[in-house]
Amino acid sequence: MTLYSVFAAIYGEHKKSGALIESARRAMLLTWPLLTLAAGILIYLLITNHFEVKFVYEVTSKSMPTYLKSDCMVGRASRLAALLVLANVCLCIAGHLAEEERNVIPCPRSPTVKIRGRGPTCEG
C-alpha cells in the first residue's frame, strides 16, 4: 500500500493526473490506521504473554514488568515503530495541506469563499 502510494504520487505528478494523486493520498491515509493496528496487536501480544508468537517468545518473559514488555516493541521491532512515526508525520502533513487547499472554496453567490476565523465568508 505504501509503495503504491509513493509511486502513484510520483507518476501522478509527472503526468499531472489529479485522480492518481488523490488515489495516492488516500492510500497514504489508509496506511496510518493499518500500522497503528499492527503496533497495537504487537503490544497486546507482548503484554499478554502470547509465547506462541516467535517474536514474543524471543524478547519477553513472564517475569518482566508490563512497561518493559511494551518497550520491546520500540527496541526490537524498531522498524514498525519507525514506520508508525513516519506515518504520523505524513498524516500531519497531509492534514495541513488539505486545510490549505480548503482556504478558497467555490461560493454559489460569488466567485470565492475565504475562510476567516470560525466560519466562511463570501466575498464578491
PDB file of N, CA and C in Angstrom:
ATOM      1  N   MET A   1       0.834  -1.179   0.000  1.00  0.00           N
ATOM      2  CA  MET A   1       0.000   0.000   0.000  1.00  0.00           C
ATOM      3  C   MET A   1       0.886   1.252   0.000  1.00  0.00           C
ATOM      4  N   THR A   2       1.913   1.231   0.847  1.00  0.00           N
ATOM      5  CA  THR A   2       2.798   2.387   0.930  1.00  0.00           C
ATOM      6  C   THR A   2       3.577   2.584  -0.362  1.00  0.00           C
ATOM      7  N   LEU A   3       4.062   1.496  -0.927  1.00  0.00           N
ATOM      8  CA  LEU A   3       4.796   1.602  -2.196  1.00  0.00           C
ATOM      9  C   LEU A   3       3.885   2.130  -3.302  1.00  0.00           C
ATOM     10  N   TYR A   4       2.651   1.645  -3.330  1.00  0.00           N
ATOM     11  CA  TYR A   4       1.695   2.151  -4.319  1.00  0.00           C
ATOM     12  C   TYR A   4       1.520   3.649  -4.140  1.00  0.00           C
ATOM     13  N   SER A   5       1.373   4.080  -2.899  1.00  0.00           N
ATOM     14  CA  SER A   5       1.163   5.500  -2.623  1.00  0.00           C
ATOM     15  C   SER A   5       2.321   6.349  -3.144  1.00  0.00           C
ATOM     16  N   VAL A   6       3.537   5.887  -2.904  1.00  0.00           N
ATOM     17  CA  VAL A   6       4.722   6.637  -3.345  1.00  0.00           C
ATOM     18  C   VAL A   6       4.779   6.706  -4.873  1.00  0.00           C
ATOM     19  N   PHE A   7       4.679   5.547  -5.528  1.00  0.00           N
ATOM     20  CA  PHE A   7       4.808   5.528  -6.979  1.00  0.00           C
ATOM     21  C   PHE A   7       3.626   6.201  -7.678  1.00  0.00           C
ATOM     22  N   ALA A   8       2.420   6.067  -7.112  1.00  0.00           N
ATOM     23  CA  ALA A   8       1.263   6.731  -7.704  1.00  0.00           C
ATOM     24  C   ALA A   8       1.391   8.245  -7.591  1.00  0.00           C
ATOM     25  N   ALA A   9       1.920   8.720  -6.475  1.00  0.00           N
ATOM     26  CA  ALA A   9       2.101  10.161  -6.308  1.00  0.00           C
ATOM     27  C   ALA A   9       3.144  10.697  -7.288  1.00  0.00           C
ATOM     28  N   ILE A  10       4.243   9.982  -7.430  1.00  0.00           N
ATOM     29  CA  ILE A  10       5.296  10.427  -8.355  1.00  0.00           C
ATOM     30  C   ILE A  10       4.792  10.409  -9.794  1.00  0.00           C
ATOM     31  N   TYR A  11       4.163   9.299 -10.191  1.00  0.00           N
ATOM     32  CA  TYR A  11       3.669   9.176 -11.561  1.00  0.00           C
ATOM     33  C   TYR A  11       2.531  10.165 -11.820  1.00  0.00           C
ATOM     34  N   GLY A  12       1.651  10.339 -10.819  1.00  0.00           N
ATOM     35  CA  GLY A  12       0.544  11.285 -10.964  1.00  0.00           C
ATOM     36  C   GLY A  12       1.026  12.715 -11.120  1.00  0.00           C
ATOM     37  N   GLU A  13       2.075  13.067 -10.384  1.00  0.00           N
ATOM     38  CA  GLU A  13       2.639  14.411 -10.514  1.00  0.00           C
ATOM     39  C   GLU A  13       3.308  14.578 -11.877  1.00  0.00           C
ATOM     40  N   HIS A  14       3.989  13.530 -12.332  1.00  0.00           N
ATOM     41  CA  HIS A  14       4.655  13.585 -13.638  1.00  0.00           C
ATOM     42  C   HIS A  14       3.641  13.751 -14.769  1.00  0.00           C
ATOM     43  N   LYS A  15       2.539  13.006 -14.696  1.00  0.00           N
ATOM     44  CA  LYS A  15       1.511  13.057 -15.740  1.00  0.00           C
ATOM     45  C   LYS A  15       0.441  14.117 -15.481  1.00  0.00           C
ATOM     46  N   LYS A  16       0.554  14.821 -14.353  1.00  0.00           N
ATOM     47  CA  LYS A  16      -0.426  15.841 -13.961  1.00  0.00           C
ATOM     48  C   LYS A  16      -1.830  15.248 -13.874  1.00  0.00           C
ATOM     49  N   SER A  17      -1.923  14.045 -13.279  1.00  0.00           N
ATOM     50  CA  SER A  17      -3.197  13.349 -13.115  1.00  0.00           C
ATOM     51  C   SER A  17      -3.714  13.562 -11.697  1.00  0.00           C
ATOM     52  N   GLY A  18      -4.729  14.395 -11.566  1.00  0.00           N
ATOM     53  CA  GLY A  18      -5.321  14.674 -10.264  1.00  0.00           C
ATOM     54  C   GLY A  18      -5.918  13.442  -9.616  1.00  0.00           C
ATOM     55  N   ALA A  19      -6.515  12.570 -10.437  1.00  0.00           N
ATOM     56  CA  ALA A  19      -7.130  11.354  -9.902  1.00  0.00           C
ATOM     57  C   ALA A  19      -6.079  10.425  -9.306  1.00  0.00           C
ATOM     58  N   LEU A  20      -4.942  10.301  -9.957  1.00  0.00           N
ATOM     59  CA  LEU A  20      -3.870   9.432  -9.455  1.00  0.00           C
ATOM     60  C   LEU A  20      -3.244  10.010  -8.193  1.00  0.00           C
ATOM     61  N   ILE A  21      -3.098  11.305  -8.139  1.00  0.00           N
ATOM     62  CA  ILE A  21      -2.560  11.950  -6.940  1.00  0.00           C
ATOM     63  C   ILE A  21      -3.520  11.781  -5.771  1.00  0.00           C
ATOM     64  N   GLU A  22      -4.809  11.923  -6.026  1.00  0.00           N
ATOM     65  CA  GLU A  22      -5.806  11.723  -4.971  1.00  0.00           C
ATOM     66  C   GLU A  22      -5.812  10.272  -4.500  1.00  0.00           C
ATOM     67  N   SER A  23      -5.655   9.332  -5.418  1.00  0.00           N
ATOM     68  CA  SER A  23      -5.578   7.915  -5.059  1.00  0.00           C
ATOM     69  C   SER A  23      -4.359   7.648  -4.180  1.00  0.00           C
ATOM     70  N   ALA A  24      -3.240   8.276  -4.504  1.00  0.00           N
ATOM     71  CA  ALA A  24      -2.024   8.120  -3.691  1.00  0.00           C
ATOM     72  C   ALA A  24      -2.228   8.711  -2.303  1.00  0.00           C
ATOM     73  N   ARG A  25      -2.910   9.840  -2.228  1.00  0.00           N
ATOM     74  CA  ARG A  25      -3.173  10.466  -0.926  1.00  0.00           C
ATOM     75  C   ARG A  25      -4.056   9.575  -0.059  1.00  0.00           C
ATOM     76  N   ARG A  26      -5.074   8.993  -0.664  1.00  0.00           N
ATOM     77  CA  ARG A  26      -5.965   8.113   0.092  1.00  0.00           C
ATOM     78  C   ARG A  26      -5.262   6.837   0.534  1.00  0.00           C
ATOM     79  N   ALA A  27      -4.374   6.314  -0.308  1.00  0.00           N
ATOM     80  CA  ALA A  27      -3.594   5.128   0.077  1.00  0.00           C
ATOM     81  C   ALA A  27      -2.686   5.463   1.253  1.00  0.00           C
ATOM     82  N   MET A  28      -2.107   6.650   1.239  1.00  0.00           N
ATOM     83  CA  MET A  28      -1.258   7.078   2.349  1.00  0.00           C
ATOM     84  C   MET A  28      -2.077   7.217   3.625  1.00  0.00           C
ATOM     85  N   LEU A  29      -3.276   7.759   3.509  1.00  0.00           N
ATOM     86  CA  LEU A  29      -4.137   7.910   4.684  1.00  0.00           C
ATOM     87  C   LEU A  29      -4.573   6.553   5.243  1.00  0.00           C
ATOM     88  N   LEU A  30      -4.692   5.554   4.397  1.00  0.00           N
ATOM     89  CA  LEU A  30      -5.077   4.222   4.851  1.00  0.00           C
ATOM     90  C   LEU A  30      -3.915   3.493   5.522  1.00  0.00           C
ATOM     91  N   THR A  31      -2.694   3.882   5.213  1.00  0.00           N
ATOM     92  CA  THR A  31      -1.519   3.244   5.805  1.00  0.00           C
ATOM     93  C   THR A  31      -1.464   3.485   7.305  1.00  0.00           C
ATOM     94  N   TRP A  32      -1.825   4.681   7.759  1.00  0.00           N
ATOM     95  CA  TRP A  32      -1.727   5.017   9.171  1.00  0.00           C
ATOM     96  C   TRP A  32      -2.552   4.099  10.065  1.00  0.00           C
ATOM     97  N   PRO A  33      -3.850   3.895   9.800  1.00  0.00           N
ATOM     98  CA  PRO A  33      -4.597   3.013  10.705  1.00  0.00           C
ATOM     99  C   PRO A  33      -4.109   1.563  10.655  1.00  0.00           C
ATOM    100  N   LEU A  34      -3.622   1.126   9.494  1.00  0.00           N
ATOM    101  CA  LEU A  34      -3.112  -0.244   9.414  1.00  0.00           C
ATOM    102  C   LEU A  34      -1.841  -0.422  10.246  1.00  0.00           C
ATOM    103  N   LEU A  35      -0.935   0.543  10.193  1.00  0.00           N
ATOM    104  CA  LEU A  35       0.266   0.479  11.016  1.00  0.00           C
ATOM    105  C   LEU A  35      -0.073   0.595  12.498  1.00  0.00           C
ATOM    106  N   THR A  36      -1.019   1.453  12.834  1.00  0.00           N
ATOM    107  CA  THR A  36      -1.444   1.596  14.226  1.00  0.00           C
ATOM    108  C   THR A  36      -2.049   0.297  14.734  1.00  0.00           C
ATOM    109  N   LEU A  37      -2.849  -0.346  13.915  1.00  0.00           N
ATOM    110  CA  LEU A  37      -3.436  -1.631  14.287  1.00  0.00           C
ATOM    111  C   LEU A  37      -2.349  -2.691  14.495  1.00  0.00           C
ATOM    112  N   ALA A  38      -1.375  -2.746  13.599  1.00  0.00           N
ATOM    113  CA  ALA A  38      -0.282  -3.715  13.735  1.00  0.00           C
ATOM    114  C   ALA A  38       0.511  -3.474  15.013  1.00  0.00           C
ATOM    115  N   ALA A  39       0.813  -2.217  15.314  1.00  0.00           N
ATOM    116  CA  ALA A  39       1.548  -1.903  16.539  1.00  0.00           C
ATOM    117  C   ALA A  39       0.729  -2.245  17.778  1.00  0.00           C
ATOM    118  N   GLY A  40      -0.555  -1.959  17.732  1.00  0.00           N
ATOM    119  CA  GLY A  40      -1.432  -2.294  18.858  1.00  0.00           C
ATOM    120  C   GLY A  40      -1.520  -3.789  19.094  1.00  0.00           C
ATOM    121  N   ILE A  41      -1.630  -4.552  18.029  1.00  0.00           N
ATOM    122  CA  ILE A  41      -1.679  -6.008  18.160  1.00  0.00           C
ATOM    123  C   ILE A  41      -0.370  -6.537  18.735  1.00  0.00           C
ATOM    124  N   LEU A  42       0.751  -6.001  18.271  1.00  0.00           N
ATOM    125  CA  LEU A  42       2.047  -6.446  18.784  1.00  0.00           C
ATOM    126  C   LEU A  42       2.189  -6.130  20.271  1.00  0.00           C
ATOM    127  N   ILE A  43       1.800  -4.949  20.680  1.00  0.00           N
ATOM    128  CA  ILE A  43       1.868  -4.598  22.100  1.00  0.00           C
ATOM    129  C   ILE A  43       0.951  -5.499  22.913  1.00  0.00           C
ATOM    130  N   TYR A  44      -0.252  -5.773  22.415  1.00  0.00           N
ATOM    131  CA  TYR A  44      -1.169  -6.689  23.103  1.00  0.00           C
ATOM    132  C   TYR A  44      -0.533  -8.063  23.273  1.00  0.00           C
ATOM    133  N   LEU A  45       0.065  -8.600  22.210  1.00  0.00           N
ATOM    134  CA  LEU A  45       0.697  -9.918  22.282  1.00  0.00           C
ATOM    135  C   LEU A  45       1.857  -9.924  23.277  1.00  0.00           C
ATOM    136  N   LEU A  46       2.626  -8.845  23.324  1.00  0.00           N
ATOM    137  CA  LEU A  46       3.740  -8.755  24.263  1.00  0.00           C
ATOM    138  C   LEU A  46       3.249  -8.719  25.712  1.00  0.00           C
ATOM    139  N   ILE A  47       2.243  -7.911  25.968  1.00  0.00           N
ATOM    140  CA  ILE A  47       1.759  -7.738  27.342  1.00  0.00           C
ATOM    141  C   ILE A  47       1.044  -8.977  27.862  1.00  0.00           C
ATOM    142  N   THR A  48       0.329  -9.675  26.997  1.00  0.00           N
ATOM    143  CA  THR A  48      -0.467 -10.836  27.446  1.00  0.00           C
ATOM    144  C   THR A  48       0.272 -12.164  27.320  1.00  0.00           C
ATOM    145  N   ASN A  49       1.581 -12.111  27.096  1.00  0.00           N
ATOM    146  CA  ASN A  49       2.432 -13.316  27.094  1.00  0.00           C
ATOM    147  C   ASN A  49       2.003 -14.374  26.084  1.00  0.00           C
ATOM    148  N   HIS A  50       1.791 -13.989  24.867  1.00  0.00           N
ATOM    149  CA  HIS A  50       1.469 -14.944  23.803  1.00  0.00           C
ATOM    150  C   HIS A  50       2.773 -15.497  23.233  1.00  0.00           C
ATOM    151  N   PHE A  51       3.319 -16.488  23.927  1.00  0.00           N
ATOM    152  CA  PHE A  51       4.626 -17.026  23.565  1.00  0.00           C
ATOM    153  C   PHE A  51       4.591 -17.907  22.315  1.00  0.00           C
ATOM    154  N   GLU A  52       3.404 -18.190  21.787  1.00  0.00           N
ATOM    155  CA  GLU A  52       3.336 -18.943  20.530  1.00  0.00           C
ATOM    156  C   GLU A  52       3.806 -18.096  19.341  1.00  0.00           C
ATOM    157  N   VAL A  53       3.852 -16.788  19.530  1.00  0.00           N
ATOM    158  CA  VAL A  53       4.400 -15.891  18.523  1.00  0.00           C
ATOM    159  C   VAL A  53       5.909 -15.799  18.755  1.00  0.00           C
ATOM    160  N   LYS A  54       6.686 -16.102  17.724  1.00  0.00           N
ATOM    161  CA  LYS A  54       8.142 -16.195  17.865  1.00  0.00           C
ATOM    162  C   LYS A  54       8.759 -14.923  18.431  1.00  0.00           C
ATOM    163  N   PHE A  55       8.336 -13.775  17.956  1.00  0.00           N
ATOM    164  CA  PHE A  55       8.896 -12.513  18.430  1.00  0.00           C
ATOM    165  C   PHE A  55       8.668 -12.342  19.926  1.00  0.00           C
ATOM    166  N   VAL A  56       7.458 -12.632  20.395  1.00  0.00           N
ATOM    167  CA  VAL A  56       7.139 -12.508  21.821  1.00  0.00           C
ATOM    168  C   VAL A  56       7.988 -13.484  22.631  1.00  0.00           C
ATOM    169  N   TYR A  57       8.137 -14.690  22.130  1.00  0.00           N
ATOM    170  CA  TYR A  57       8.941 -15.707  22.806  1.00  0.00           C
ATOM    171  C   TYR A  57      10.398 -15.268  22.941  1.00  0.00           C
ATOM    172  N   GLU A  58      10.914 -14.612  21.925  1.00  0.00           N
ATOM    173  CA  GLU A  58      12.327 -14.216  21.930  1.00  0.00           C
ATOM    174  C   GLU A  58      12.630 -13.011  22.809  1.00  0.00           C
ATOM    175  N   VAL A  59      11.681 -12.101  22.998  1.00  0.00           N
ATOM    176  CA  VAL A  59      12.020 -10.836  23.661  1.00  0.00           C
ATOM    177  C   VAL A  59      11.418 -10.653  25.049  1.00  0.00           C
ATOM    178  N   THR A  60      10.467 -11.482  25.457  1.00  0.00           N
ATOM    179  CA  THR A  60       9.843 -11.277  26.763  1.00  0.00           C
ATOM    180  C   THR A  60       9.876 -12.542  27.605  1.00  0.00           C
ATOM    181  N   SER A  61       9.520 -12.362  28.861  1.00  0.00           N
ATOM    182  CA  SER A  61       9.334 -13.490  29.774  1.00  0.00           C
ATOM    183  C   SER A  61       8.205 -13.135  30.736  1.00  0.00           C
ATOM    184  N   LYS A  62       7.693 -14.121  31.451  1.00  0.00           N
ATOM    185  CA  LYS A  62       6.595 -13.864  32.389  1.00  0.00           C
ATOM    186  C   LYS A  62       7.038 -12.988  33.553  1.00  0.00           C
ATOM    187  N   SER A  63       8.314 -12.999  33.849  1.00  0.00           N
ATOM    188  CA  SER A  63       8.805 -12.220  34.996  1.00  0.00           C
ATOM    189  C   SER A  63       9.023 -10.741  34.668  1.00  0.00           C
ATOM    190  N   MET A  64       8.964 -10.360  33.398  1.00  0.00           N
ATOM    191  CA  MET A  64       9.180  -8.953  33.011  1.00  0.00           C
ATOM    192  C   MET A  64       7.985  -8.094  33.402  1.00  0.00           C
ATOM    193  N   PRO A  65       8.247  -6.873  33.907  1.00  0.00           N
ATOM    194  CA  PRO A  65       7.129  -5.961  34.161  1.00  0.00           C
ATOM    195  C   PRO A  65       6.492  -5.490  32.844  1.00  0.00           C
ATOM    196  N   THR A  66       5.263  -5.069  32.926  1.00  0.00           N
ATOM    197  CA  THR A  66       4.496  -4.689  31.733  1.00  0.00           C
ATOM    198  C   THR A  66       5.161  -3.554  30.954  1.00  0.00           C
ATOM    199  N   TYR A  67       5.684  -2.556  31.643  1.00  0.00           N
ATOM    200  CA  TYR A  67       6.277  -1.424  30.915  1.00  0.00           C
ATOM    201  C   TYR A  67       7.488  -1.861  30.096  1.00  0.00           C
ATOM    202  N   LEU A  68       8.218  -2.864  30.569  1.00  0.00           N
ATOM    203  CA  LEU A  68       9.348  -3.361  29.782  1.00  0.00           C
ATOM    204  C   LEU A  68       8.884  -4.188  28.588  1.00  0.00           C
ATOM    205  N   LYS A  69       7.779  -4.911  28.760  1.00  0.00           N
ATOM    206  CA  LYS A  69       7.247  -5.696  27.639  1.00  0.00           C
ATOM    207  C   LYS A  69       6.797  -4.786  26.503  1.00  0.00           C
ATOM    208  N   SER A  70       6.085  -3.721  26.838  1.00  0.00           N
ATOM    209  CA  SER A  70       5.631  -2.805  25.783  1.00  0.00           C
ATOM    210  C   SER A  70       6.809  -2.048  25.176  1.00  0.00           C
ATOM    211  N   ASP A  71       7.866  -1.852  25.952  1.00  0.00           N
ATOM    212  CA  ASP A  71       9.060  -1.175  25.442  1.00  0.00           C
ATOM    213  C   ASP A  71       9.803  -2.039  24.420  1.00  0.00           C
ATOM    214  N   CYS A  72       9.605  -3.348  24.461  1.00  0.00           N
ATOM    215  CA  CYS A  72      10.240  -4.242  23.482  1.00  0.00           C
ATOM    216  C   CYS A  72       9.800  -3.907  22.062  1.00  0.00           C
ATOM    217  N   MET A  73       8.591  -3.381  21.917  1.00  0.00           N
ATOM    218  CA  MET A  73       8.095  -3.021  20.585  1.00  0.00           C
ATOM    219  C   MET A  73       8.957  -1.931  19.970  1.00  0.00           C
ATOM    220  N   VAL A  74       9.425  -1.008  20.784  1.00  0.00           N
ATOM    221  CA  VAL A  74      10.249   0.077  20.263  1.00  0.00           C
ATOM    222  C   VAL A  74      11.677  -0.397  20.047  1.00  0.00           C
ATOM    223  N   GLY A  75      12.190  -1.189  20.950  1.00  0.00           N
ATOM    224  CA  GLY A  75      13.575  -1.621  20.858  1.00  0.00           C
ATOM    225  C   GLY A  75      13.823  -2.660  19.788  1.00  0.00           C
ATOM    226  N   ARG A  76      13.096  -3.767  19.840  1.00  0.00           N
ATOM    227  CA  ARG A  76      13.354  -4.869  18.921  1.00  0.00           C
ATOM    228  C   ARG A  76      12.559  -4.759  17.627  1.00  0.00           C
ATOM    229  N   ALA A  77      11.395  -4.184  17.694  1.00  0.00           N
ATOM    230  CA  ALA A  77      10.578  -4.019  16.486  1.00  0.00           C
ATOM    231  C   ALA A  77      10.689  -2.570  16.014  1.00  0.00           C
ATOM    232  N   SER A  78      11.910  -2.076  15.970  1.00  0.00           N
ATOM    233  CA  SER A  78      12.108  -0.653  15.710  1.00  0.00           C
ATOM    234  C   SER A  78      11.627  -0.233  14.319  1.00  0.00           C
ATOM    235  N   ARG A  79      11.610  -1.157  13.366  1.00  0.00           N
ATOM    236  CA  ARG A  79      11.113  -0.792  12.026  1.00  0.00           C
ATOM    237  C   ARG A  79       9.637  -0.427  12.080  1.00  0.00           C
ATOM    238  N   LEU A  80       8.868  -1.217  12.814  1.00  0.00           N
ATOM    239  CA  LEU A  80       7.442  -0.934  12.947  1.00  0.00           C
ATOM    240  C   LEU A  80       7.235   0.396  13.665  1.00  0.00           C
ATOM    241  N   ALA A  81       7.997   0.629  14.724  1.00  0.00           N
ATOM    242  CA  ALA A  81       7.879   1.896  15.448  1.00  0.00           C
ATOM    243  C   ALA A  81       8.275   3.072  14.560  1.00  0.00           C
ATOM    244  N   ALA A  82       9.348   2.922  13.793  1.00  0.00           N
ATOM    245  CA  ALA A  82       9.781   3.999  12.895  1.00  0.00           C
ATOM    246  C   ALA A  82       8.743   4.257  11.813  1.00  0.00           C
ATOM    247  N   LEU A  83       8.170   3.188  11.259  1.00  0.00           N
ATOM    248  CA  LEU A  83       7.120   3.364  10.242  1.00  0.00           C
ATOM    249  C   LEU A  83       5.901   4.063  10.816  1.00  0.00           C
ATOM    250  N   LEU A  84       5.570   3.735  12.059  1.00  0.00           N
ATOM    251  CA  LEU A  84       4.429   4.378  12.700  1.00  0.00           C
ATOM    252  C   LEU A  84       4.692   5.876  12.897  1.00  0.00           C
ATOM    253  N   VAL A  85       5.904   6.233  13.290  1.00  0.00           N
ATOM    254  CA  VAL A  85       6.256   7.647  13.440  1.00  0.00           C
ATOM    255  C   VAL A  85       6.188   8.352  12.085  1.00  0.00           C
ATOM    256  N   LEU A  86       6.746   7.723  11.044  1.00  0.00           N
ATOM    257  CA  LEU A  86       6.698   8.331   9.709  1.00  0.00           C
ATOM    258  C   LEU A  86       5.269   8.471   9.201  1.00  0.00           C
ATOM    259  N   ALA A  87       4.430   7.472   9.485  1.00  0.00           N
ATOM    260  CA  ALA A  87       3.032   7.557   9.069  1.00  0.00           C
ATOM    261  C   ALA A  87       2.326   8.705   9.783  1.00  0.00           C
ATOM    262  N   ASN A  88       2.652   8.933  11.053  1.00  0.00           N
ATOM    263  CA  ASN A  88       2.067  10.060  11.780  1.00  0.00           C
ATOM    264  C   ASN A  88       2.515  11.391  11.185  1.00  0.00           C
ATOM    265  N   VAL A  89       3.782  11.489  10.811  1.00  0.00           N
ATOM    266  CA  VAL A  89       4.286  12.720  10.181  1.00  0.00           C
ATOM    267  C   VAL A  89       3.569  12.958   8.858  1.00  0.00           C
ATOM    268  N   CYS A  90       3.446  11.906   8.036  1.00  0.00           N
ATOM    269  CA  CYS A  90       2.752  12.039   6.745  1.00  0.00           C
ATOM    270  C   CYS A  90       1.300  12.432   6.930  1.00  0.00           C
ATOM    271  N   LEU A  91       0.663  11.866   7.948  1.00  0.00           N
ATOM    272  CA  LEU A  91      -0.731  12.199   8.226  1.00  0.00           C
ATOM    273  C   LEU A  91      -0.868  13.676   8.611  1.00  0.00           C
ATOM    274  N   CYS A  92       0.048  14.168   9.420  1.00  0.00           N
ATOM    275  CA  CYS A  92       0.018  15.584   9.807  1.00  0.00           C
ATOM    276  C   CYS A  92       0.250  16.485   8.602  1.00  0.00           C
ATOM    277  N   ILE A  93       1.208  16.137   7.764  1.00  0.00           N
ATOM    278  CA  ILE A  93       1.485  16.943   6.573  1.00  0.00           C
ATOM    279  C   ILE A  93       0.285  16.936   5.629  1.00  0.00           C
ATOM    280  N   ALA A  94      -0.306  15.766   5.423  1.00  0.00           N
ATOM    281  CA  ALA A  94      -1.476  15.669   4.536  1.00  0.00           C
ATOM    282  C   ALA A  94      -2.639  16.478   5.086  1.00  0.00           C
ATOM    283  N   GLY A  95      -2.835  16.445   6.392  1.00  0.00           N
ATOM    284  CA  GLY A  95      -3.904  17.234   7.004  1.00  0.00           C
ATOM    285  C   GLY A  95      -3.666  18.718   6.845  1.00  0.00           C
ATOM    286  N   HIS A  96      -2.414  19.138   7.000  1.00  0.00           N
ATOM    287  CA  HIS A  96      -2.065  20.553   6.838  1.00  0.00           C
ATOM    288  C   HIS A  96      -2.272  21.009   5.388  1.00  0.00           C
ATOM    289  N   LEU A  97      -1.840  20.184   4.432  1.00  0.00           N
ATOM    290  CA  LEU A  97      -2.007  20.545   3.025  1.00  0.00           C
ATOM    291  C   LEU A  97      -3.480  20.575   2.637  1.00  0.00           C
ATOM    292  N   ALA A  98      -4.266  19.635   3.172  1.00  0.00           N
ATOM    293  CA  ALA A  98      -5.699  19.621   2.862  1.00  0.00           C
ATOM    294  C   ALA A  98      -6.374  20.865   3.423  1.00  0.00           C
ATOM    295  N   GLU A  99      -5.937  21.313   4.595  1.00  0.00           N
ATOM    296  CA  GLU A  99      -6.511  22.528   5.169  1.00  0.00           C
ATOM    297  C   GLU A  99      -6.160  23.754   4.336  1.00  0.00           C
ATOM    298  N   GLU A 100      -4.939  23.805   3.816  1.00  0.00           N
ATOM    299  CA  GLU A 100      -4.542  24.926   2.962  1.00  0.00           C
ATOM    300  C   GLU A 100      -5.368  24.956   1.680  1.00  0.00           C
ATOM    301  N   GLU A 101      -5.677  23.765   1.130  1.00  0.00           N
ATOM    302  CA  GLU A 101      -6.477  23.707  -0.094  1.00  0.00           C
ATOM    303  C   GLU A 101      -7.902  24.167   0.148  1.00  0.00           C
ATOM    304  N   ARG A 102      -8.409  24.022   1.367  1.00  0.00           N
ATOM    305  CA  ARG A 102      -9.777  24.414   1.673  1.00  0.00           C
ATOM    306  C   ARG A 102      -9.925  25.887   1.990  1.00  0.00           C
ATOM    307  N   ASN A 103      -8.832  26.641   1.966  1.00  0.00           N
ATOM    308  CA  ASN A 103      -8.916  28.059   2.283  1.00  0.00           C
ATOM    309  C   ASN A 103      -9.732  28.834   1.254  1.00  0.00           C
ATOM    310  N   VAL A 104      -9.762  28.370   0.025  1.00  0.00           N
ATOM    311  CA  VAL A 104     -10.583  29.003  -1.006  1.00  0.00           C
ATOM    312  C   VAL A 104     -11.536  27.950  -1.550  1.00  0.00           C
ATOM    313  N   ILE A 105     -12.828  28.161  -1.306  1.00  0.00           N
ATOM    314  CA  ILE A 105     -13.869  27.204  -1.691  1.00  0.00           C
ATOM    315  C   ILE A 105     -14.853  27.929  -2.603  1.00  0.00           C
ATOM    316  N   PRO A 106     -15.359  27.265  -3.666  1.00  0.00           N
ATOM    317  CA  PRO A 106     -16.351  27.922  -4.527  1.00  0.00           C
ATOM    318  C   PRO A 106     -17.591  28.340  -3.738  1.00  0.00           C
ATOM    319  N   CYS A 107     -18.105  29.511  -4.049  1.00  0.00           N
ATOM    320  CA  CYS A 107     -19.293  30.035  -3.381  1.00  0.00           C
ATOM    321  C   CYS A 107     -20.393  30.238  -4.419  1.00  0.00           C
ATOM    322  N   PRO A 108     -21.621  29.825  -4.128  1.00  0.00           N
ATOM    323  CA  PRO A 108     -22.676  29.956  -5.130  1.00  0.00           C
ATOM    324  C   PRO A 108     -23.026  31.402  -5.474  1.00  0.00           C
ATOM    325  N   ARG A 109     -22.847  32.355  -4.548  1.00  0.00           N
ATOM    326  CA  ARG A 109     -23.234  33.729  -4.798  1.00  0.00           C
ATOM    327  C   ARG A 109     -22.105  34.580  -5.368  1.00  0.00           C
ATOM    328  N   SER A 110     -20.891  34.186  -5.123  1.00  0.00           N
ATOM    329  CA  SER A 110     -19.765  34.987  -5.586  1.00  0.00           C
ATOM    330  C   SER A 110     -18.624  34.062  -5.997  1.00  0.00           C
ATOM    331  N   PRO A 111     -17.585  34.601  -6.617  1.00  0.00           N
ATOM    332  CA  PRO A 111     -16.527  33.738  -7.138  1.00  0.00           C
ATOM    333  C   PRO A 111     -15.801  32.897  -6.096  1.00  0.00           C
ATOM    334  N   THR A 112     -15.565  33.407  -4.878  1.00  0.00           N
ATOM    335  CA  THR A 112     -14.790  32.646  -3.899  1.00  0.00           C
ATOM    336  C   THR A 112     -15.357  32.793  -2.495  1.00  0.00           C
ATOM    337  N   VAL A 113     -15.000  31.853  -1.657  1.00  0.00           N
ATOM    338  CA  VAL A 113     -15.285  31.926  -0.230  1.00  0.00           C
ATOM    339  C   VAL A 113     -13.945  31.876   0.461  1.00  0.00           C
ATOM    340  N   LYS A 114     -13.676  32.854   1.293  1.00  0.00           N
ATOM    341  CA  LYS A 114     -12.444  32.836   2.062  1.00  0.00           C
ATOM    342  C   LYS A 114     -12.800  32.540   3.511  1.00  0.00           C
ATOM    343  N   ILE A 115     -12.108  31.594   4.074  1.00  0.00           N
ATOM    344  CA  ILE A 115     -12.392  31.200   5.450  1.00  0.00           C
ATOM    345  C   ILE A 115     -11.559  32.061   6.381  1.00  0.00           C
ATOM    346  N   ARG A 116     -12.255  32.731   7.288  1.00  0.00           N
ATOM    347  CA  ARG A 116     -11.592  33.569   8.285  1.00  0.00           C
ATOM    348  C   ARG A 116     -12.178  33.225   9.643  1.00  0.00           C
ATOM    349  N   GLY A 117     -11.315  33.022  10.592  1.00  0.00           N
ATOM    350  CA  GLY A 117     -11.808  32.722  11.930  1.00  0.00           C
ATOM    351  C   GLY A 117     -12.530  31.401  11.958  1.00  0.00           C
ATOM    352  N   ARG A 118     -13.778  31.416  12.457  1.00  0.00           N
ATOM    353  CA  ARG A 118     -14.514  30.170  12.631  1.00  0.00           C
ATOM    354  C   ARG A 118     -15.376  29.794  11.436  1.00  0.00           C
ATOM    355  N   GLY A 119     -15.832  30.711  10.667  1.00  0.00           N
ATOM    356  CA  GLY A 119     -16.731  30.364   9.583  1.00  0.00           C
ATOM    357  C   GLY A 119     -16.366  31.027   8.273  1.00  0.00           C
ATOM    358  N   PRO A 120     -16.858  30.490   7.159  1.00  0.00           N
ATOM    359  CA  PRO A 120     -16.542  31.062   5.841  1.00  0.00           C
ATOM    360  C   PRO A 120     -17.320  32.350   5.595  1.00  0.00           C
ATOM    361  N   THR A 121     -16.725  33.264   4.875  1.00  0.00           N
ATOM    362  CA  THR A 121     -17.406  34.475   4.453  1.00  0.00           C
ATOM    363  C   THR A 121     -17.278  34.608   2.955  1.00  0.00           C
ATOM    364  N   CYS A 122     -18.371  34.932   2.280  1.00  0.00           N
ATOM    365  CA  CYS A 122     -18.334  35.092   0.823  1.00  0.00           C
ATOM    366  C   CYS A 122     -17.907  36.492   0.492  1.00  0.00           C
ATOM    367  N   GLU A 123     -17.044  36.606  -0.503  1.00  0.00           N
ATOM    368  CA  GLU A 123     -16.610  37.903  -0.987  1.00  0.00           C
ATOM    369  C   GLU A 123     -16.913  38.003  -2.468  1.00  0.00           C
ATOM    370  N   GLY A 124     -17.344  39.128  -2.913  1.00  0.00           N
ATOM    371  CA  GLY A 124     -17.733  39.292  -4.302  1.00  0.00           C
ATOM    372  C   GLY A 124     -16.856  40.048  -5.129  1.00  0.00           C
TER     373      GLY A 124
END
